[in-house]
Amino acid sequence: MDLTGAVWRKSTRSDNGGSTCVEVATNLPGVVGVRDSKDRQGPALTFSPDAWTGFVRGARSGSLPSRP
């Protein structure tokens, strides 16, 4: 997926110490990009806008499964 032109913003939930920072790009048509702000040249995940909206809703409501 070509993310050229993506405008990245840091998640408001990222900690201020910089150890768990996530950036999201929502300005591209049909795709939402997510990357680690400490590795901006590294891989990025991509989601459909509907999948991203579902993830954000689940995260906000606390209904996402926790890690073991």
PDB file of N, CA and C in Angstrom:
ATOM      1  N   MET A   1       0.850  -1.171   0.000  1.00  0.00           N
ATOM      2  CA  MET A   1       0.000   0.000   0.000  1.00  0.00           C
ATOM      3  C   MET A   1       0.896   1.234   0.000  1.00  0.00           C
ATOM      4  N   ASP A   2       0.634   2.136  -0.900  1.00  0.00           N
ATOM      5  CA  ASP A   2       1.410   3.369  -0.997  1.00  0.00           C
ATOM      6  C   ASP A   2       0.818   4.410  -0.054  1.00  0.00           C
ATOM      7  N   LEU A   3       1.571   4.800   0.953  1.00  0.00           N
ATOM      8  CA  LEU A   3       1.113   5.790   1.921  1.00  0.00           C
ATOM      9  C   LEU A   3       1.756   7.156   1.690  1.00  0.00           C
ATOM     10  N   THR A   4       2.283   7.364   0.471  1.00  0.00           N
ATOM     11  CA  THR A   4       2.831   8.667   0.118  1.00  0.00           C
ATOM     12  C   THR A   4       1.723   9.699   0.251  1.00  0.00           C
ATOM     13  N   GLY A   5       2.026  10.785   0.893  1.00  0.00           N
ATOM     14  CA  GLY A   5       1.032  11.835   1.088  1.00  0.00           C
ATOM     15  C   GLY A   5       0.254  11.705   2.390  1.00  0.00           C
ATOM     16  N   ALA A   6       0.543  10.648   3.136  1.00  0.00           N
ATOM     17  CA  ALA A   6      -0.137  10.471   4.423  1.00  0.00           C
ATOM     18  C   ALA A   6       0.258  11.594   5.375  1.00  0.00           C
ATOM     19  N   VAL A   7      -0.718  12.113   6.068  1.00  0.00           N
ATOM     20  CA  VAL A   7      -0.485  13.117   7.097  1.00  0.00           C
ATOM     21  C   VAL A   7      -0.658  12.398   8.430  1.00  0.00           C
ATOM     22  N   TRP A   8       0.448  12.206   9.137  1.00  0.00           N
ATOM     23  CA  TRP A   8       0.463  11.416  10.361  1.00  0.00           C
ATOM     24  C   TRP A   8       0.219  12.312  11.572  1.00  0.00           C
ATOM     25  N   ARG A   9      -0.572  11.810  12.499  1.00  0.00           N
ATOM     26  CA  ARG A   9      -0.774  12.505  13.774  1.00  0.00           C
ATOM     27  C   ARG A   9      -0.587  11.503  14.899  1.00  0.00           C
ATOM     28  N   LYS A  10      -0.047  11.991  15.974  1.00  0.00           N
ATOM     29  CA  LYS A  10       0.224  11.136  17.127  1.00  0.00           C
ATOM     30  C   LYS A  10      -1.079  10.870  17.888  1.00  0.00           C
ATOM     31  N   SER A  11      -1.245   9.647  18.321  1.00  0.00           N
ATOM     32  CA  SER A  11      -2.418   9.292  19.103  1.00  0.00           C
ATOM     33  C   SER A  11      -2.457  10.077  20.414  1.00  0.00           C
ATOM     34  N   THR A  12      -3.627  10.511  20.802  1.00  0.00           N
ATOM     35  CA  THR A  12      -3.771  11.196  22.090  1.00  0.00           C
ATOM     36  C   THR A  12      -3.573  10.238  23.252  1.00  0.00           C
ATOM     37  N   ARG A  13      -3.603   8.945  22.981  1.00  0.00           N
ATOM     38  CA  ARG A  13      -3.405   7.933  24.021  1.00  0.00           C
ATOM     39  C   ARG A  13      -1.950   7.503  24.166  1.00  0.00           C
ATOM     40  N   SER A  14      -1.072   8.006  23.323  1.00  0.00           N
ATOM     41  CA  SER A  14       0.345   7.678  23.444  1.00  0.00           C
ATOM     42  C   SER A  14       0.903   8.325  24.698  1.00  0.00           C
ATOM     43  N   ASP A  15       1.812   7.619  25.356  1.00  0.00           N
ATOM     44  CA  ASP A  15       2.375   8.204  26.578  1.00  0.00           C
ATOM     45  C   ASP A  15       3.359   9.309  26.242  1.00  0.00           C
ATOM     46  N   ASN A  16       3.549  10.222  27.145  1.00  0.00           N
ATOM     47  CA  ASN A  16       4.421  11.365  26.906  1.00  0.00           C
ATOM     48  C   ASN A  16       5.901  11.022  26.969  1.00  0.00           C
ATOM     49  N   GLY A  17       6.233   9.854  27.520  1.00  0.00           N
ATOM     50  CA  GLY A  17       7.634   9.451  27.592  1.00  0.00           C
ATOM     51  C   GLY A  17       8.171   8.943  26.276  1.00  0.00           C
ATOM     52  N   GLY A  18       7.293   8.688  25.315  1.00  0.00           N
ATOM     53  CA  GLY A  18       7.732   8.255  24.000  1.00  0.00           C
ATOM     54  C   GLY A  18       7.947   6.765  23.852  1.00  0.00           C
ATOM     55  N   SER A  19       7.628   5.978  24.873  1.00  0.00           N
ATOM     56  CA  SER A  19       7.896   4.549  24.774  1.00  0.00           C
ATOM     57  C   SER A  19       6.775   3.781  24.077  1.00  0.00           C
ATOM     58  N   THR A  20       5.582   4.322  24.012  1.00  0.00           N
ATOM     59  CA  THR A  20       4.468   3.628  23.360  1.00  0.00           C
ATOM     60  C   THR A  20       3.695   4.601  22.487  1.00  0.00           C
ATOM     61  N   CYS A  21       4.327   5.083  21.442  1.00  0.00           N
ATOM     62  CA  CYS A  21       3.707   6.081  20.579  1.00  0.00           C
ATOM     63  C   CYS A  21       3.183   5.458  19.285  1.00  0.00           C
ATOM     64  N   VAL A  22       1.983   5.857  18.944  1.00  0.00           N
ATOM     65  CA  VAL A  22       1.341   5.401  17.716  1.00  0.00           C
ATOM     66  C   VAL A  22       0.924   6.631  16.927  1.00  0.00           C
ATOM     67  N   GLU A  23       1.101   6.574  15.612  1.00  0.00           N
ATOM     68  CA  GLU A  23       0.652   7.642  14.736  1.00  0.00           C
ATOM     69  C   GLU A  23      -0.369   7.079  13.763  1.00  0.00           C
ATOM     70  N   VAL A  24      -1.349   7.911  13.420  1.00  0.00           N
ATOM     71  CA  VAL A  24      -2.440   7.494  12.542  1.00  0.00           C
ATOM     72  C   VAL A  24      -2.556   8.496  11.398  1.00  0.00           C
ATOM     73  N   ALA A  25      -2.803   7.989  10.211  1.00  0.00           N
ATOM     74  CA  ALA A  25      -3.054   8.842   9.042  1.00  0.00           C
ATOM     75  C   ALA A  25      -4.452   8.518   8.518  1.00  0.00           C
ATOM     76  N   THR A  26      -5.313   9.519   8.515  1.00  0.00           N
ATOM     77  CA  THR A  26      -6.697   9.307   8.066  1.00  0.00           C
ATOM     78  C   THR A  26      -7.051  10.158   6.850  1.00  0.00           C
ATOM     79  N   ASN A  27      -6.064  10.757   6.212  1.00  0.00           N
ATOM     80  CA  ASN A  27      -6.338  11.664   5.109  1.00  0.00           C
ATOM     81  C   ASN A  27      -6.335  11.005   3.731  1.00  0.00           C
ATOM     82  N   LEU A  28      -6.018   9.739   3.633  1.00  0.00           N
ATOM     83  CA  LEU A  28      -5.965   9.079   2.335  1.00  0.00           C
ATOM     84  C   LEU A  28      -7.301   8.406   2.026  1.00  0.00           C
ATOM     85  N   PRO A  29      -7.750   8.453   0.778  1.00  0.00           N
ATOM     86  CA  PRO A  29      -9.049   7.856   0.451  1.00  0.00           C
ATOM     87  C   PRO A  29      -9.036   6.333   0.592  1.00  0.00           C
ATOM     88  N   GLY A  30      -9.985   5.809   1.361  1.00  0.00           N
ATOM     89  CA  GLY A  30     -10.181   4.363   1.456  1.00  0.00           C
ATOM     90  C   GLY A  30      -9.224   3.619   2.350  1.00  0.00           C
ATOM     91  N   VAL A  31      -8.349   4.310   3.079  1.00  0.00           N
ATOM     92  CA  VAL A  31      -7.377   3.605   3.916  1.00  0.00           C
ATOM     93  C   VAL A  31      -7.004   4.453   5.133  1.00  0.00           C
ATOM     94  N   VAL A  32      -6.758   3.767   6.235  1.00  0.00           N
ATOM     95  CA  VAL A  32      -6.231   4.397   7.443  1.00  0.00           C
ATOM     96  C   VAL A  32      -4.894   3.731   7.728  1.00  0.00           C
ATOM     97  N   GLY A  33      -3.853   4.533   7.896  1.00  0.00           N
ATOM     98  CA  GLY A  33      -2.526   4.014   8.199  1.00  0.00           C
ATOM     99  C   GLY A  33      -2.212   4.160   9.677  1.00  0.00           C
ATOM    100  N   VAL A  34      -1.490   3.179  10.209  1.00  0.00           N
ATOM    101  CA  VAL A  34      -1.067   3.206  11.618  1.00  0.00           C
ATOM    102  C   VAL A  34       0.401   2.789  11.647  1.00  0.00           C
ATOM    103  N   ARG A  35       1.217   3.554  12.384  1.00  0.00           N
ATOM    104  CA  ARG A  35       2.644   3.216  12.464  1.00  0.00           C
ATOM    105  C   ARG A  35       3.191   3.551  13.847  1.00  0.00           C
ATOM    106  N   ASP A  36       4.348   3.005  14.117  1.00  0.00           N
ATOM    107  CA  ASP A  36       5.092   3.273  15.351  1.00  0.00           C
ATOM    108  C   ASP A  36       5.880   4.565  15.134  1.00  0.00           C
ATOM    109  N   SER A  37       5.642   5.555  15.975  1.00  0.00           N
ATOM    110  CA  SER A  37       6.319   6.839  15.773  1.00  0.00           C
ATOM    111  C   SER A  37       7.819   6.766  16.009  1.00  0.00           C
ATOM    112  N   LYS A  38       8.296   5.738  16.686  1.00  0.00           N
ATOM    113  CA  LYS A  38       9.736   5.589  16.918  1.00  0.00           C
ATOM    114  C   LYS A  38      10.435   4.968  15.710  1.00  0.00           C
ATOM    115  N   ASP A  39       9.651   4.419  14.764  1.00  0.00           N
ATOM    116  CA  ASP A  39      10.205   3.774  13.577  1.00  0.00           C
ATOM    117  C   ASP A  39       9.424   4.238  12.356  1.00  0.00           C
ATOM    118  N   ARG A  40       9.522   5.519  12.057  1.00  0.00           N
ATOM    119  CA  ARG A  40       8.708   6.116  10.993  1.00  0.00           C
ATOM    120  C   ARG A  40       9.022   5.576   9.610  1.00  0.00           C
ATOM    121  N   GLN A  41      10.183   5.025   9.419  1.00  0.00           N
ATOM    122  CA  GLN A  41      10.535   4.436   8.127  1.00  0.00           C
ATOM    123  C   GLN A  41      10.182   2.947   8.079  1.00  0.00           C
ATOM    124  N   GLY A  42       9.758   2.407   9.206  1.00  0.00           N
ATOM    125  CA  GLY A  42       9.409   0.990   9.291  1.00  0.00           C
ATOM    126  C   GLY A  42       8.038   0.711   8.712  1.00  0.00           C
ATOM    127  N   PRO A  43       7.554  -0.486   8.933  1.00  0.00           N
ATOM    128  CA  PRO A  43       6.264  -0.879   8.361  1.00  0.00           C
ATOM    129  C   PRO A  43       5.098  -0.121   8.990  1.00  0.00           C
ATOM    130  N   ALA A  44       4.049  -0.013   8.237  1.00  0.00           N
ATOM    131  CA  ALA A  44       2.799   0.580   8.726  1.00  0.00           C
ATOM    132  C   ALA A  44       1.675  -0.411   8.473  1.00  0.00           C
ATOM    133  N   LEU A  45       0.733  -0.431   9.365  1.00  0.00           N
ATOM    134  CA  LEU A  45      -0.467  -1.233   9.169  1.00  0.00           C
ATOM    135  C   LEU A  45      -1.494  -0.391   8.436  1.00  0.00           C
ATOM    136  N   THR A  46      -2.333  -1.033   7.638  1.00  0.00           N
ATOM    137  CA  THR A  46      -3.408  -0.310   6.971  1.00  0.00           C
ATOM    138  C   THR A  46      -4.734  -1.000   7.258  1.00  0.00           C
ATOM    139  N   PHE A  47      -5.757  -0.194   7.388  1.00  0.00           N
ATOM    140  CA  PHE A  47      -7.100  -0.677   7.678  1.00  0.00           C
ATOM    141  C   PHE A  47      -8.092   0.047   6.782  1.00  0.00           C
ATOM    142  N   SER A  48      -9.221  -0.598   6.533  1.00  0.00           N
ATOM    143  CA  SER A  48     -10.307   0.121   5.877  1.00  0.00           C
ATOM    144  C   SER A  48     -10.864   1.111   6.889  1.00  0.00           C
ATOM    145  N   PRO A  49     -11.472   2.193   6.433  1.00  0.00           N
ATOM    146  CA  PRO A  49     -12.064   3.133   7.390  1.00  0.00           C
ATOM    147  C   PRO A  49     -13.092   2.473   8.319  1.00  0.00           C
ATOM    148  N   ASP A  50     -13.886   1.544   7.810  1.00  0.00           N
ATOM    149  CA  ASP A  50     -14.872   0.856   8.653  1.00  0.00           C
ATOM    150  C   ASP A  50     -14.204  -0.004   9.720  1.00  0.00           C
ATOM    151  N   ALA A  51     -13.138  -0.707   9.348  1.00  0.00           N
ATOM    152  CA  ALA A  51     -12.421  -1.536  10.324  1.00  0.00           C
ATOM    153  C   ALA A  51     -11.785  -0.655  11.389  1.00  0.00           C
ATOM    154  N   TRP A  52     -11.212   0.472  10.993  1.00  0.00           N
ATOM    155  CA  TRP A  52     -10.585   1.385  11.951  1.00  0.00           C
ATOM    156  C   TRP A  52     -11.624   1.958  12.916  1.00  0.00           C
ATOM    157  N   THR A  53     -12.766   2.367  12.377  1.00  0.00           N
ATOM    158  CA  THR A  53     -13.837   2.891  13.224  1.00  0.00           C
ATOM    159  C   THR A  53     -14.279   1.846  14.237  1.00  0.00           C
ATOM    160  N   GLY A  54     -14.410   0.591  13.799  1.00  0.00           N
ATOM    161  CA  GLY A  54     -14.778  -0.494  14.714  1.00  0.00           C
ATOM    162  C   GLY A  54     -13.736  -0.705  15.795  1.00  0.00           C
ATOM    163  N   PHE A  55     -12.475  -0.643  15.427  1.00  0.00           N
ATOM    164  CA  PHE A  55     -11.405  -0.793  16.415  1.00  0.00           C
ATOM    165  C   PHE A  55     -11.451   0.328  17.453  1.00  0.00           C
ATOM    166  N   VAL A  56     -11.580   1.565  16.974  1.00  0.00           N
ATOM    167  CA  VAL A  56     -11.606   2.710  17.889  1.00  0.00           C
ATOM    168  C   VAL A  56     -12.815   2.614  18.826  1.00  0.00           C
ATOM    169  N   ARG A  57     -13.965   2.251  18.288  1.00  0.00           N
ATOM    170  CA  ARG A  57     -15.155   2.090  19.144  1.00  0.00           C
ATOM    171  C   ARG A  57     -14.935   1.027  20.203  1.00  0.00           C
ATOM    172  N   GLY A  58     -14.346  -0.094  19.805  1.00  0.00           N
ATOM    173  CA  GLY A  58     -14.063  -1.170  20.756  1.00  0.00           C
ATOM    174  C   GLY A  58     -13.067  -0.757  21.813  1.00  0.00           C
ATOM    175  N   ALA A  59     -12.055  -0.006  21.403  1.00  0.00           N
ATOM    176  CA  ALA A  59     -11.050   0.461  22.364  1.00  0.00           C
ATOM    177  C   ALA A  59     -11.673   1.437  23.362  1.00  0.00           C
ATOM    178  N   ARG A  60     -12.496   2.324  22.869  1.00  0.00           N
ATOM    179  CA  ARG A  60     -13.133   3.310  23.749  1.00  0.00           C
ATOM    180  C   ARG A  60     -14.106   2.670  24.733  1.00  0.00           C
ATOM    181  N   SER A  61     -14.801   1.650  24.279  1.00  0.00           N
ATOM    182  CA  SER A  61     -15.808   1.021  25.143  1.00  0.00           C
ATOM    183  C   SER A  61     -15.207  -0.023  26.078  1.00  0.00           C
ATOM    184  N   GLY A  62     -13.948  -0.392  25.830  1.00  0.00           N
ATOM    185  CA  GLY A  62     -13.301  -1.414  26.649  1.00  0.00           C
ATOM    186  C   GLY A  62     -13.697  -2.824  26.262  1.00  0.00           C
ATOM    187  N   SER A  63     -14.276  -2.994  25.089  1.00  0.00           N
ATOM    188  CA  SER A  63     -14.740  -4.323  24.690  1.00  0.00           C
ATOM    189  C   SER A  63     -13.721  -5.131  23.887  1.00  0.00           C
ATOM    190  N   LEU A  64     -12.507  -4.601  23.704  1.00  0.00           N
ATOM    191  CA  LEU A  64     -11.459  -5.368  23.017  1.00  0.00           C
ATOM    192  C   LEU A  64     -10.906  -6.411  23.974  1.00  0.00           C
ATOM    193  N   PRO A  65     -10.576  -7.606  23.477  1.00  0.00           N
ATOM    194  CA  PRO A  65      -9.999  -8.612  24.362  1.00  0.00           C
ATOM    195  C   PRO A  65      -8.627  -8.174  24.876  1.00  0.00           C
ATOM    196  N   SER A  66      -8.325  -8.518  26.094  1.00  0.00           N
ATOM    197  CA  SER A  66      -7.019  -8.173  26.668  1.00  0.00           C
ATOM    198  C   SER A  66      -5.999  -9.233  26.300  1.00  0.00           C
ATOM    199  N   ARG A  67      -4.732  -8.849  26.364  1.00  0.00           N
ATOM    200  CA  ARG A  67      -3.651  -9.813  26.104  1.00  0.00           C
ATOM    201  C   ARG A  67      -3.518 -10.743  27.282  1.00  0.00           C
ATOM    202  N   PRO A  68      -3.148 -11.998  27.017  1.00  0.00           N
ATOM    203  CA  PRO A  68      -2.940 -12.949  28.133  1.00  0.00           C
ATOM    204  C   PRO A  68      -1.720 -12.604  28.959  1.00  0.00           C
TER     205      PRO A  68
END
